Amino acid sequence: VALALIKTSERYKFDILNVNRMVYKETC
């Protein structure tokens, strides 16, 4: 989970909080 957040943040130029907002809204 940690590495996936970091890699997604780096690839799409979003901060980690922004990435997990999207993930949380889809998975919960």
mmCIF file of all heavy atoms, coordinates in Angstrom:
data_MODEL
# 
_entry.id   MODEL 
# 
loop_
_atom_site.group_PDB 
_atom_site.id 
_atom_site.type_symbol 
_atom_site.label_atom_id 
_atom_site.label_alt_id 
_atom_site.label_comp_id 
_atom_site.label_asym_id 
_atom_site.label_entity_id 
_atom_site.label_seq_id 
_atom_site.pdbx_PDB_ins_code 
_atom_site.Cartn_x 
_atom_site.Cartn_y 
_atom_site.Cartn_z 
_atom_site.occupancy 
_atom_site.B_iso_or_equiv 
_atom_site.pdbx_formal_charge 
_atom_site.auth_seq_id 
_atom_site.auth_comp_id 
_atom_site.auth_asym_id 
_atom_site.auth_atom_id 
_atom_site.pdbx_PDB_model_num 
ATOM 1   N N   . VAL A 1 1  ? 0.846   -1.205 0.000   1.00 0.00 ? 1  VAL A N   1 
ATOM 2   C CA  . VAL A 1 1  ? 0.000   0.000  0.000   1.00 0.00 ? 1  VAL A CA  1 
ATOM 3   C C   . VAL A 1 1  ? 0.876   1.249  0.000   1.00 0.00 ? 1  VAL A C   1 
ATOM 4   O O   . VAL A 1 1  ? 0.623   2.205  -0.748  1.00 0.00 ? 1  VAL A O   1 
ATOM 5   C CB  . VAL A 1 1  ? -0.948  -0.005 1.215   1.00 0.00 ? 1  VAL A CB  1 
ATOM 6   C CG1 . VAL A 1 1  ? -1.617  1.354  1.398   1.00 0.00 ? 1  VAL A CG1 1 
ATOM 7   C CG2 . VAL A 1 1  ? -2.002  -1.092 1.052   1.00 0.00 ? 1  VAL A CG2 1 
ATOM 8   N N   . ALA A 1 2  ? 1.921   1.249  0.812   1.00 0.00 ? 2  ALA A N   1 
ATOM 9   C CA  . ALA A 1 2  ? 2.818   2.406  0.872   1.00 0.00 ? 2  ALA A CA  1 
ATOM 10  C C   . ALA A 1 2  ? 3.478   2.657  -0.478  1.00 0.00 ? 2  ALA A C   1 
ATOM 11  O O   . ALA A 1 2  ? 3.487   3.795  -0.982  1.00 0.00 ? 2  ALA A O   1 
ATOM 12  C CB  . ALA A 1 2  ? 3.881   2.182  1.952   1.00 0.00 ? 2  ALA A CB  1 
ATOM 13  N N   . LEU A 1 3  ? 4.023   1.610  -1.083  1.00 0.00 ? 3  LEU A N   1 
ATOM 14  C CA  . LEU A 1 3  ? 4.700   1.776  -2.370  1.00 0.00 ? 3  LEU A CA  1 
ATOM 15  C C   . LEU A 1 3  ? 3.734   2.144  -3.484  1.00 0.00 ? 3  LEU A C   1 
ATOM 16  O O   . LEU A 1 3  ? 4.067   2.938  -4.371  1.00 0.00 ? 3  LEU A O   1 
ATOM 17  C CB  . LEU A 1 3  ? 5.453   0.485  -2.726  1.00 0.00 ? 3  LEU A CB  1 
ATOM 18  C CG  . LEU A 1 3  ? 6.636   0.141  -1.811  1.00 0.00 ? 3  LEU A CG  1 
ATOM 19  C CD1 . LEU A 1 3  ? 7.232   -1.203 -2.188  1.00 0.00 ? 3  LEU A CD1 1 
ATOM 20  C CD2 . LEU A 1 3  ? 7.710   1.233  -1.873  1.00 0.00 ? 3  LEU A CD2 1 
ATOM 21  N N   . ALA A 1 4  ? 2.521   1.590  -3.439  1.00 0.00 ? 4  ALA A N   1 
ATOM 22  C CA  . ALA A 1 4  ? 1.521   1.925  -4.460  1.00 0.00 ? 4  ALA A CA  1 
ATOM 23  C C   . ALA A 1 4  ? 1.127   3.399  -4.371  1.00 0.00 ? 4  ALA A C   1 
ATOM 24  O O   . ALA A 1 4  ? 0.964   4.068  -5.400  1.00 0.00 ? 4  ALA A O   1 
ATOM 25  C CB  . ALA A 1 4  ? 0.291   1.038  -4.299  1.00 0.00 ? 4  ALA A CB  1 
ATOM 26  N N   . LEU A 1 5  ? 0.982   3.917  -3.166  1.00 0.00 ? 5  LEU A N   1 
ATOM 27  C CA  . LEU A 1 5  ? 0.670   5.338  -2.995  1.00 0.00 ? 5  LEU A CA  1 
ATOM 28  C C   . LEU A 1 5  ? 1.807   6.209  -3.531  1.00 0.00 ? 5  LEU A C   1 
ATOM 29  O O   . LEU A 1 5  ? 1.568   7.203  -4.235  1.00 0.00 ? 5  LEU A O   1 
ATOM 30  C CB  . LEU A 1 5  ? 0.439   5.652  -1.516  1.00 0.00 ? 5  LEU A CB  1 
ATOM 31  C CG  . LEU A 1 5  ? -0.883  5.172  -0.905  1.00 0.00 ? 5  LEU A CG  1 
ATOM 32  C CD1 . LEU A 1 5  ? -0.869  5.369  0.611   1.00 0.00 ? 5  LEU A CD1 1 
ATOM 33  C CD2 . LEU A 1 5  ? -2.077  5.889  -1.524  1.00 0.00 ? 5  LEU A CD2 1 
ATOM 34  N N   . ILE A 1 6  ? 3.041   5.829  -3.220  1.00 0.00 ? 6  ILE A N   1 
ATOM 35  C CA  . ILE A 1 6  ? 4.195   6.612  -3.665  1.00 0.00 ? 6  ILE A CA  1 
ATOM 36  C C   . ILE A 1 6  ? 4.331   6.576  -5.189  1.00 0.00 ? 6  ILE A C   1 
ATOM 37  O O   . ILE A 1 6  ? 4.508   7.614  -5.837  1.00 0.00 ? 6  ILE A O   1 
ATOM 38  C CB  . ILE A 1 6  ? 5.482   6.093  -2.993  1.00 0.00 ? 6  ILE A CB  1 
ATOM 39  C CG1 . ILE A 1 6  ? 5.438   6.369  -1.488  1.00 0.00 ? 6  ILE A CG1 1 
ATOM 40  C CG2 . ILE A 1 6  ? 6.714   6.748  -3.607  1.00 0.00 ? 6  ILE A CG2 1 
ATOM 41  C CD1 . ILE A 1 6  ? 6.540   5.685  -0.700  1.00 0.00 ? 6  ILE A CD1 1 
ATOM 42  N N   . LYS A 1 7  ? 4.233   5.370  -5.772  1.00 0.00 ? 7  LYS A N   1 
ATOM 43  C CA  . LYS A 1 7  ? 4.394   5.238  -7.223  1.00 0.00 ? 7  LYS A CA  1 
ATOM 44  C C   . LYS A 1 7  ? 3.293   5.975  -7.983  1.00 0.00 ? 7  LYS A C   1 
ATOM 45  O O   . LYS A 1 7  ? 3.548   6.605  -9.016  1.00 0.00 ? 7  LYS A O   1 
ATOM 46  C CB  . LYS A 1 7  ? 4.399   3.755  -7.609  1.00 0.00 ? 7  LYS A CB  1 
ATOM 47  C CG  . LYS A 1 7  ? 5.578   2.960  -7.084  1.00 0.00 ? 7  LYS A CG  1 
ATOM 48  C CD  . LYS A 1 7  ? 6.889   3.457  -7.671  1.00 0.00 ? 7  LYS A CD  1 
ATOM 49  C CE  . LYS A 1 7  ? 8.063   2.603  -7.196  1.00 0.00 ? 7  LYS A CE  1 
ATOM 50  N NZ  . LYS A 1 7  ? 9.365   3.111  -7.724  1.00 0.00 ? 7  LYS A NZ  1 
ATOM 51  N N   . THR A 1 8  ? 2.055   5.894  -7.484  1.00 0.00 ? 8  THR A N   1 
ATOM 52  C CA  . THR A 1 8  ? 0.953   6.593  -8.143  1.00 0.00 ? 8  THR A CA  1 
ATOM 53  C C   . THR A 1 8  ? 1.124   8.105  -8.018  1.00 0.00 ? 8  THR A C   1 
ATOM 54  O O   . THR A 1 8  ? 0.861   8.853  -8.971  1.00 0.00 ? 8  THR A O   1 
ATOM 55  C CB  . THR A 1 8  ? -0.400  6.172  -7.532  1.00 0.00 ? 8  THR A CB  1 
ATOM 56  O OG1 . THR A 1 8  ? -0.495  4.743  -7.545  1.00 0.00 ? 8  THR A OG1 1 
ATOM 57  C CG2 . THR A 1 8  ? -1.557  6.751  -8.328  1.00 0.00 ? 8  THR A CG2 1 
ATOM 58  N N   . SER A 1 9  ? 1.582   8.545  -6.853  1.00 0.00 ? 9  SER A N   1 
ATOM 59  C CA  . SER A 1 9  ? 1.841   9.971  -6.640  1.00 0.00 ? 9  SER A CA  1 
ATOM 60  C C   . SER A 1 9  ? 2.902   10.481 -7.608  1.00 0.00 ? 9  SER A C   1 
ATOM 61  O O   . SER A 1 9  ? 2.750   11.557 -8.207  1.00 0.00 ? 9  SER A O   1 
ATOM 62  C CB  . SER A 1 9  ? 2.288   10.198 -5.191  1.00 0.00 ? 9  SER A CB  1 
ATOM 63  O OG  . SER A 1 9  ? 2.748   11.508 -4.994  1.00 0.00 ? 9  SER A OG  1 
ATOM 64  N N   . GLU A 1 10 ? 3.956   9.711  -7.795  1.00 0.00 ? 10 GLU A N   1 
ATOM 65  C CA  . GLU A 1 10 ? 5.047   10.123 -8.686  1.00 0.00 ? 10 GLU A CA  1 
ATOM 66  C C   . GLU A 1 10 ? 4.617   10.110 -10.147 1.00 0.00 ? 10 GLU A C   1 
ATOM 67  O O   . GLU A 1 10 ? 4.961   11.017 -10.912 1.00 0.00 ? 10 GLU A O   1 
ATOM 68  C CB  . GLU A 1 10 ? 6.257   9.211  -8.469  1.00 0.00 ? 10 GLU A CB  1 
ATOM 69  C CG  . GLU A 1 10 ? 6.907   9.362  -7.100  1.00 0.00 ? 10 GLU A CG  1 
ATOM 70  C CD  . GLU A 1 10 ? 7.993   8.336  -6.847  1.00 0.00 ? 10 GLU A CD  1 
ATOM 71  O OE1 . GLU A 1 10 ? 8.081   7.341  -7.614  1.00 0.00 ? 10 GLU A OE1 1 
ATOM 72  O OE2 . GLU A 1 10 ? 8.754   8.526  -5.884  1.00 0.00 ? 10 GLU A OE2 1 
ATOM 73  N N   . ARG A 1 11 ? 3.854   9.106  -10.529 1.00 0.00 ? 11 ARG A N   1 
ATOM 74  C CA  . ARG A 1 11 ? 3.479   8.965  -11.942 1.00 0.00 ? 11 ARG A CA  1 
ATOM 75  C C   . ARG A 1 11 ? 2.518   10.069 -12.385 1.00 0.00 ? 11 ARG A C   1 
ATOM 76  O O   . ARG A 1 11 ? 2.649   10.614 -13.490 1.00 0.00 ? 11 ARG A O   1 
ATOM 77  C CB  . ARG A 1 11 ? 2.844   7.590  -12.179 1.00 0.00 ? 11 ARG A CB  1 
ATOM 78  C CG  . ARG A 1 11 ? 2.419   7.362  -13.632 1.00 0.00 ? 11 ARG A CG  1 
ATOM 79  C CD  . ARG A 1 11 ? 1.795   5.991  -13.801 1.00 0.00 ? 11 ARG A CD  1 
ATOM 80  N NE  . ARG A 1 11 ? 1.328   5.772  -15.145 1.00 0.00 ? 11 ARG A NE  1 
ATOM 81  C CZ  . ARG A 1 11 ? 2.040   5.262  -16.144 1.00 0.00 ? 11 ARG A CZ  1 
ATOM 82  N NH1 . ARG A 1 11 ? 3.301   4.928  -15.914 1.00 0.00 ? 11 ARG A NH1 1 
ATOM 83  N NH2 . ARG A 1 11 ? 1.541   5.094  -17.351 1.00 0.00 ? 11 ARG A NH2 1 
ATOM 84  N N   . TYR A 1 12 ? 1.538   10.382 -11.537 1.00 0.00 ? 12 TYR A N   1 
ATOM 85  C CA  . TYR A 1 12 ? 0.497   11.333 -11.935 1.00 0.00 ? 12 TYR A CA  1 
ATOM 86  C C   . TYR A 1 12 ? 0.680   12.722 -11.326 1.00 0.00 ? 12 TYR A C   1 
ATOM 87  O O   . TYR A 1 12 ? -0.180  13.588 -11.491 1.00 0.00 ? 12 TYR A O   1 
ATOM 88  C CB  . TYR A 1 12 ? -0.881  10.769 -11.562 1.00 0.00 ? 12 TYR A CB  1 
ATOM 89  C CG  . TYR A 1 12 ? -1.243  9.556  -12.392 1.00 0.00 ? 12 TYR A CG  1 
ATOM 90  C CD1 . TYR A 1 12 ? -1.041  8.271  -11.905 1.00 0.00 ? 12 TYR A CD1 1 
ATOM 91  C CD2 . TYR A 1 12 ? -1.755  9.701  -13.670 1.00 0.00 ? 12 TYR A CD2 1 
ATOM 92  C CE1 . TYR A 1 12 ? -1.351  7.154  -12.674 1.00 0.00 ? 12 TYR A CE1 1 
ATOM 93  C CE2 . TYR A 1 12 ? -2.075  8.594  -14.451 1.00 0.00 ? 12 TYR A CE2 1 
ATOM 94  C CZ  . TYR A 1 12 ? -1.871  7.326  -13.935 1.00 0.00 ? 12 TYR A CZ  1 
ATOM 95  O OH  . TYR A 1 12 ? -2.176  6.227  -14.704 1.00 0.00 ? 12 TYR A OH  1 
ATOM 96  N N   . LYS A 1 13 ? 1.811   12.931 -10.639 1.00 0.00 ? 13 LYS A N   1 
ATOM 97  C CA  . LYS A 1 13 ? 2.138   14.251 -10.088 1.00 0.00 ? 13 LYS A CA  1 
ATOM 98  C C   . LYS A 1 13 ? 1.083   14.751 -9.097  1.00 0.00 ? 13 LYS A C   1 
ATOM 99  O O   . LYS A 1 13 ? 0.780   15.939 -9.025  1.00 0.00 ? 13 LYS A O   1 
ATOM 100 C CB  . LYS A 1 13 ? 2.313   15.281 -11.220 1.00 0.00 ? 13 LYS A CB  1 
ATOM 101 C CG  . LYS A 1 13 ? 3.225   14.843 -12.346 1.00 0.00 ? 13 LYS A CG  1 
ATOM 102 C CD  . LYS A 1 13 ? 4.629   14.502 -11.837 1.00 0.00 ? 13 LYS A CD  1 
ATOM 103 C CE  . LYS A 1 13 ? 5.533   14.061 -12.993 1.00 0.00 ? 13 LYS A CE  1 
ATOM 104 N NZ  . LYS A 1 13 ? 6.870   13.623 -12.529 1.00 0.00 ? 13 LYS A NZ  1 
ATOM 105 N N   . PHE A 1 14 ? 0.495   13.815 -8.334  1.00 0.00 ? 14 PHE A N   1 
ATOM 106 C CA  . PHE A 1 14 ? -0.440  14.168 -7.270  1.00 0.00 ? 14 PHE A CA  1 
ATOM 107 C C   . PHE A 1 14 ? 0.224   13.885 -5.930  1.00 0.00 ? 14 PHE A C   1 
ATOM 108 O O   . PHE A 1 14 ? 1.065   12.984 -5.823  1.00 0.00 ? 14 PHE A O   1 
ATOM 109 C CB  . PHE A 1 14 ? -1.727  13.342 -7.358  1.00 0.00 ? 14 PHE A CB  1 
ATOM 110 C CG  . PHE A 1 14 ? -2.625  13.709 -8.504  1.00 0.00 ? 14 PHE A CG  1 
ATOM 111 C CD1 . PHE A 1 14 ? -3.332  12.731 -9.182  1.00 0.00 ? 14 PHE A CD1 1 
ATOM 112 C CD2 . PHE A 1 14 ? -2.773  15.022 -8.882  1.00 0.00 ? 14 PHE A CD2 1 
ATOM 113 C CE1 . PHE A 1 14 ? -4.168  13.061 -10.241 1.00 0.00 ? 14 PHE A CE1 1 
ATOM 114 C CE2 . PHE A 1 14 ? -3.608  15.370 -9.942  1.00 0.00 ? 14 PHE A CE2 1 
ATOM 115 C CZ  . PHE A 1 14 ? -4.303  14.390 -10.620 1.00 0.00 ? 14 PHE A CZ  1 
ATOM 116 N N   . ASP A 1 15 ? -0.165  14.629 -4.910  1.00 0.00 ? 15 ASP A N   1 
ATOM 117 C CA  . ASP A 1 15 ? 0.332   14.285 -3.580  1.00 0.00 ? 15 ASP A CA  1 
ATOM 118 C C   . ASP A 1 15 ? -0.391  13.046 -3.075  1.00 0.00 ? 15 ASP A C   1 
ATOM 119 O O   . ASP A 1 15 ? -1.432  12.639 -3.611  1.00 0.00 ? 15 ASP A O   1 
ATOM 120 C CB  . ASP A 1 15 ? 0.181   15.451 -2.599  1.00 0.00 ? 15 ASP A CB  1 
ATOM 121 C CG  . ASP A 1 15 ? -1.254  15.945 -2.464  1.00 0.00 ? 15 ASP A CG  1 
ATOM 122 O OD1 . ASP A 1 15 ? -2.117  15.145 -2.076  1.00 0.00 ? 15 ASP A OD1 1 
ATOM 123 O OD2 . ASP A 1 15 ? -1.498  17.137 -2.727  1.00 0.00 ? 15 ASP A OD2 1 
ATOM 124 N N   . ILE A 1 16 ? 0.160   12.410 -2.047  1.00 0.00 ? 16 ILE A N   1 
ATOM 125 C CA  . ILE A 1 16 ? -0.361  11.139 -1.542  1.00 0.00 ? 16 ILE A CA  1 
ATOM 126 C C   . ILE A 1 16 ? -1.776  11.289 -0.983  1.00 0.00 ? 16 ILE A C   1 
ATOM 127 O O   . ILE A 1 16 ? -2.619  10.402 -1.160  1.00 0.00 ? 16 ILE A O   1 
ATOM 128 C CB  . ILE A 1 16 ? 0.603   10.559 -0.493  1.00 0.00 ? 16 ILE A CB  1 
ATOM 129 C CG1 . ILE A 1 16 ? 1.882   10.062 -1.191  1.00 0.00 ? 16 ILE A CG1 1 
ATOM 130 C CG2 . ILE A 1 16 ? -0.042  9.421  0.304   1.00 0.00 ? 16 ILE A CG2 1 
ATOM 131 C CD1 . ILE A 1 16 ? 2.977   9.613  -0.259  1.00 0.00 ? 16 ILE A CD1 1 
ATOM 132 N N   . LEU A 1 17 ? -2.051  12.380 -0.312  1.00 0.00 ? 17 LEU A N   1 
ATOM 133 C CA  . LEU A 1 17 ? -3.401  12.597 0.212   1.00 0.00 ? 17 LEU A CA  1 
ATOM 134 C C   . LEU A 1 17 ? -4.426  12.618 -0.926  1.00 0.00 ? 17 LEU A C   1 
ATOM 135 O O   . LEU A 1 17 ? -5.515  12.043 -0.803  1.00 0.00 ? 17 LEU A O   1 
ATOM 136 C CB  . LEU A 1 17 ? -3.468  13.907 1.000   1.00 0.00 ? 17 LEU A CB  1 
ATOM 137 C CG  . LEU A 1 17 ? -2.796  13.912 2.375   1.00 0.00 ? 17 LEU A CG  1 
ATOM 138 C CD1 . LEU A 1 17 ? -2.834  15.309 2.978   1.00 0.00 ? 17 LEU A CD1 1 
ATOM 139 C CD2 . LEU A 1 17 ? -3.449  12.910 3.321   1.00 0.00 ? 17 LEU A CD2 1 
ATOM 140 N N   . ASN A 1 18 ? -4.080  13.249 -2.020  1.00 0.00 ? 18 ASN A N   1 
ATOM 141 C CA  . ASN A 1 18 ? -4.986  13.317 -3.165  1.00 0.00 ? 18 ASN A CA  1 
ATOM 142 C C   . ASN A 1 18 ? -5.209  11.935 -3.765  1.00 0.00 ? 18 ASN A C   1 
ATOM 143 O O   . ASN A 1 18 ? -6.338  11.566 -4.123  1.00 0.00 ? 18 ASN A O   1 
ATOM 144 C CB  . ASN A 1 18 ? -4.422  14.272 -4.225  1.00 0.00 ? 18 ASN A CB  1 
ATOM 145 C CG  . ASN A 1 18 ? -5.482  14.751 -5.202  1.00 0.00 ? 18 ASN A CG  1 
ATOM 146 O OD1 . ASN A 1 18 ? -6.638  14.334 -5.138  1.00 0.00 ? 18 ASN A OD1 1 
ATOM 147 N ND2 . ASN A 1 18 ? -5.091  15.608 -6.115  1.00 0.00 ? 18 ASN A ND2 1 
ATOM 148 N N   . VAL A 1 19 ? -4.131  11.157 -3.877  1.00 0.00 ? 19 VAL A N   1 
ATOM 149 C CA  . VAL A 1 19 ? -4.252  9.800  -4.422  1.00 0.00 ? 19 VAL A CA  1 
ATOM 150 C C   . VAL A 1 19 ? -5.185  8.961  -3.559  1.00 0.00 ? 19 VAL A C   1 
ATOM 151 O O   . VAL A 1 19 ? -6.091  8.293  -4.059  1.00 0.00 ? 19 VAL A O   1 
ATOM 152 C CB  . VAL A 1 19 ? -2.866  9.124  -4.510  1.00 0.00 ? 19 VAL A CB  1 
ATOM 153 C CG1 . VAL A 1 19 ? -3.019  7.638  -4.870  1.00 0.00 ? 19 VAL A CG1 1 
ATOM 154 C CG2 . VAL A 1 19 ? -1.990  9.824  -5.545  1.00 0.00 ? 19 VAL A CG2 1 
ATOM 155 N N   . ASN A 1 20 ? -5.010  9.025  -2.243  1.00 0.00 ? 20 ASN A N   1 
ATOM 156 C CA  . ASN A 1 20 ? -5.818  8.173  -1.381  1.00 0.00 ? 20 ASN A CA  1 
ATOM 157 C C   . ASN A 1 20 ? -7.268  8.639  -1.281  1.00 0.00 ? 20 ASN A C   1 
ATOM 158 O O   . ASN A 1 20 ? -8.156  7.836  -0.978  1.00 0.00 ? 20 ASN A O   1 
ATOM 159 C CB  . ASN A 1 20 ? -5.209  8.075  0.022   1.00 0.00 ? 20 ASN A CB  1 
ATOM 160 C CG  . ASN A 1 20 ? -5.634  6.805  0.729   1.00 0.00 ? 20 ASN A CG  1 
ATOM 161 O OD1 . ASN A 1 20 ? -5.460  5.708  0.202   1.00 0.00 ? 20 ASN A OD1 1 
ATOM 162 N ND2 . ASN A 1 20 ? -6.222  6.942  1.904   1.00 0.00 ? 20 ASN A ND2 1 
ATOM 163 N N   . ARG A 1 21 ? -7.526  9.907  -1.559  1.00 0.00 ? 21 ARG A N   1 
ATOM 164 C CA  . ARG A 1 21 ? -8.924  10.351 -1.637  1.00 0.00 ? 21 ARG A CA  1 
ATOM 165 C C   . ARG A 1 21 ? -9.644  9.597  -2.748  1.00 0.00 ? 21 ARG A C   1 
ATOM 166 O O   . ARG A 1 21 ? -10.765 9.121  -2.571  1.00 0.00 ? 21 ARG A O   1 
ATOM 167 C CB  . ARG A 1 21 ? -9.000  11.855 -1.897  1.00 0.00 ? 21 ARG A CB  1 
ATOM 168 C CG  . ARG A 1 21 ? -8.611  12.727 -0.725  1.00 0.00 ? 21 ARG A CG  1 
ATOM 169 C CD  . ARG A 1 21 ? -8.742  14.207 -1.059  1.00 0.00 ? 21 ARG A CD  1 
ATOM 170 N NE  . ARG A 1 21 ? -7.894  15.004 -0.170  1.00 0.00 ? 21 ARG A NE  1 
ATOM 171 C CZ  . ARG A 1 21 ? -6.964  15.847 -0.586  1.00 0.00 ? 21 ARG A CZ  1 
ATOM 172 N NH1 . ARG A 1 21 ? -6.783  16.053 -1.880  1.00 0.00 ? 21 ARG A NH1 1 
ATOM 173 N NH2 . ARG A 1 21 ? -6.230  16.517 0.286   1.00 0.00 ? 21 ARG A NH2 1 
ATOM 174 N N   . MET A 1 22 ? -9.001  9.499  -3.905  1.00 0.00 ? 22 MET A N   1 
ATOM 175 C CA  . MET A 1 22 ? -9.603  8.794  -5.041  1.00 0.00 ? 22 MET A CA  1 
ATOM 176 C C   . MET A 1 22 ? -9.770  7.313  -4.732  1.00 0.00 ? 22 MET A C   1 
ATOM 177 O O   . MET A 1 22 ? -10.817 6.719  -5.014  1.00 0.00 ? 22 MET A O   1 
ATOM 178 C CB  . MET A 1 22 ? -8.746  8.991  -6.293  1.00 0.00 ? 22 MET A CB  1 
ATOM 179 C CG  . MET A 1 22 ? -8.772  10.414 -6.835  1.00 0.00 ? 22 MET A CG  1 
ATOM 180 S SD  . MET A 1 22 ? -7.839  10.591 -8.376  1.00 0.00 ? 22 MET A SD  1 
ATOM 181 C CE  . MET A 1 22 ? -6.160  10.676 -7.747  1.00 0.00 ? 22 MET A CE  1 
ATOM 182 N N   . VAL A 1 23 ? -8.734  6.716  -4.141  1.00 0.00 ? 23 VAL A N   1 
ATOM 183 C CA  . VAL A 1 23 ? -8.783  5.289  -3.820  1.00 0.00 ? 23 VAL A CA  1 
ATOM 184 C C   . VAL A 1 23 ? -9.891  5.007  -2.815  1.00 0.00 ? 23 VAL A C   1 
ATOM 185 O O   . VAL A 1 23 ? -10.683 4.067  -2.976  1.00 0.00 ? 23 VAL A O   1 
ATOM 186 C CB  . VAL A 1 23 ? -7.419  4.818  -3.270  1.00 0.00 ? 23 VAL A CB  1 
ATOM 187 C CG1 . VAL A 1 23 ? -7.524  3.390  -2.734  1.00 0.00 ? 23 VAL A CG1 1 
ATOM 188 C CG2 . VAL A 1 23 ? -6.344  4.900  -4.342  1.00 0.00 ? 23 VAL A CG2 1 
ATOM 189 N N   . TYR A 1 24 ? -9.984  5.832  -1.779  1.00 0.00 ? 24 TYR A N   1 
ATOM 190 C CA  . TYR A 1 24 ? -10.971 5.596  -0.722  1.00 0.00 ? 24 TYR A CA  1 
ATOM 191 C C   . TYR A 1 24 ? -12.388 5.711  -1.265  1.00 0.00 ? 24 TYR A C   1 
ATOM 192 O O   . TYR A 1 24 ? -13.262 4.909  -0.935  1.00 0.00 ? 24 TYR A O   1 
ATOM 193 C CB  . TYR A 1 24 ? -10.775 6.580  0.429   1.00 0.00 ? 24 TYR A CB  1 
ATOM 194 C CG  . TYR A 1 24 ? -11.525 6.193  1.688   1.00 0.00 ? 24 TYR A CG  1 
ATOM 195 C CD1 . TYR A 1 24 ? -10.925 5.400  2.654   1.00 0.00 ? 24 TYR A CD1 1 
ATOM 196 C CD2 . TYR A 1 24 ? -12.844 6.594  1.895   1.00 0.00 ? 24 TYR A CD2 1 
ATOM 197 C CE1 . TYR A 1 24 ? -11.602 5.020  3.800   1.00 0.00 ? 24 TYR A CE1 1 
ATOM 198 C CE2 . TYR A 1 24 ? -13.537 6.219  3.031   1.00 0.00 ? 24 TYR A CE2 1 
ATOM 199 C CZ  . TYR A 1 24 ? -12.911 5.440  3.981   1.00 0.00 ? 24 TYR A CZ  1 
ATOM 200 O OH  . TYR A 1 24 ? -13.598 5.057  5.106   1.00 0.00 ? 24 TYR A OH  1 
ATOM 201 N N   . LYS A 1 25 ? -12.642 6.706  -2.105  1.00 0.00 ? 25 LYS A N   1 
ATOM 202 C CA  . LYS A 1 25 ? -13.986 6.910  -2.628  1.00 0.00 ? 25 LYS A CA  1 
ATOM 203 C C   . LYS A 1 25 ? -14.433 5.750  -3.514  1.00 0.00 ? 25 LYS A C   1 
ATOM 204 O O   . LYS A 1 25 ? -15.624 5.433  -3.592  1.00 0.00 ? 25 LYS A O   1 
ATOM 205 C CB  . LYS A 1 25 ? -14.052 8.221  -3.407  1.00 0.00 ? 25 LYS A CB  1 
ATOM 206 C CG  . LYS A 1 25 ? -13.987 9.453  -2.512  1.00 0.00 ? 25 LYS A CG  1 
ATOM 207 C CD  . LYS A 1 25 ? -13.893 10.744 -3.309  1.00 0.00 ? 25 LYS A CD  1 
ATOM 208 C CE  . LYS A 1 25 ? -13.748 11.949 -2.382  1.00 0.00 ? 25 LYS A CE  1 
ATOM 209 N NZ  . LYS A 1 25 ? -13.602 13.219 -3.142  1.00 0.00 ? 25 LYS A NZ  1 
ATOM 210 N N   . GLU A 1 26 ? -13.485 5.101  -4.184  1.00 0.00 ? 26 GLU A N   1 
ATOM 211 C CA  . GLU A 1 26 ? -13.834 3.963  -5.039  1.00 0.00 ? 26 GLU A CA  1 
ATOM 212 C C   . GLU A 1 26 ? -13.935 2.660  -4.261  1.00 0.00 ? 26 GLU A C   1 
ATOM 213 O O   . GLU A 1 26 ? -14.766 1.811  -4.570  1.00 0.00 ? 26 GLU A O   1 
ATOM 214 C CB  . GLU A 1 26 ? -12.806 3.814  -6.164  1.00 0.00 ? 26 GLU A CB  1 
ATOM 215 C CG  . GLU A 1 26 ? -12.912 4.881  -7.232  1.00 0.00 ? 26 GLU A CG  1 
ATOM 216 C CD  . GLU A 1 26 ? -12.268 4.448  -8.527  1.00 0.00 ? 26 GLU A CD  1 
ATOM 217 O OE1 . GLU A 1 26 ? -12.530 3.320  -8.985  1.00 0.00 ? 26 GLU A OE1 1 
ATOM 218 O OE2 . GLU A 1 26 ? -11.500 5.249  -9.085  1.00 0.00 ? 26 GLU A OE2 1 
ATOM 219 N N   . THR A 1 27 ? -13.091 2.488  -3.267  1.00 0.00 ? 27 THR A N   1 
ATOM 220 C CA  . THR A 1 27 ? -13.055 1.211  -2.553  1.00 0.00 ? 27 THR A CA  1 
ATOM 221 C C   . THR A 1 27 ? -13.976 1.176  -1.335  1.00 0.00 ? 27 THR A C   1 
ATOM 222 O O   . THR A 1 27 ? -14.198 0.112  -0.762  1.00 0.00 ? 27 THR A O   1 
ATOM 223 C CB  . THR A 1 27 ? -11.622 0.890  -2.096  1.00 0.00 ? 27 THR A CB  1 
ATOM 224 O OG1 . THR A 1 27 ? -11.143 1.958  -1.264  1.00 0.00 ? 27 THR A OG1 1 
ATOM 225 C CG2 . THR A 1 27 ? -10.691 0.733  -3.296  1.00 0.00 ? 27 THR A CG2 1 
ATOM 226 N N   . CYS A 1 28 ? -14.492 2.324  -0.943  1.00 0.00 ? 28 CYS A N   1 
ATOM 227 C CA  . CYS A 1 28 ? -15.411 2.360  0.197   1.00 0.00 ? 28 CYS A CA  1 
ATOM 228 C C   . CYS A 1 28 ? -16.599 3.266  -0.124  1.00 0.00 ? 28 CYS A C   1 
ATOM 229 O O   . CYS A 1 28 ? -16.805 4.296  0.532   1.00 0.00 ? 28 CYS A O   1 
ATOM 230 C CB  . CYS A 1 28 ? -14.684 2.848  1.445   1.00 0.00 ? 28 CYS A CB  1 
ATOM 231 S SG  . CYS A 1 28 ? -15.617 2.575  2.977   1.00 0.00 ? 28 CYS A SG  1 
# 
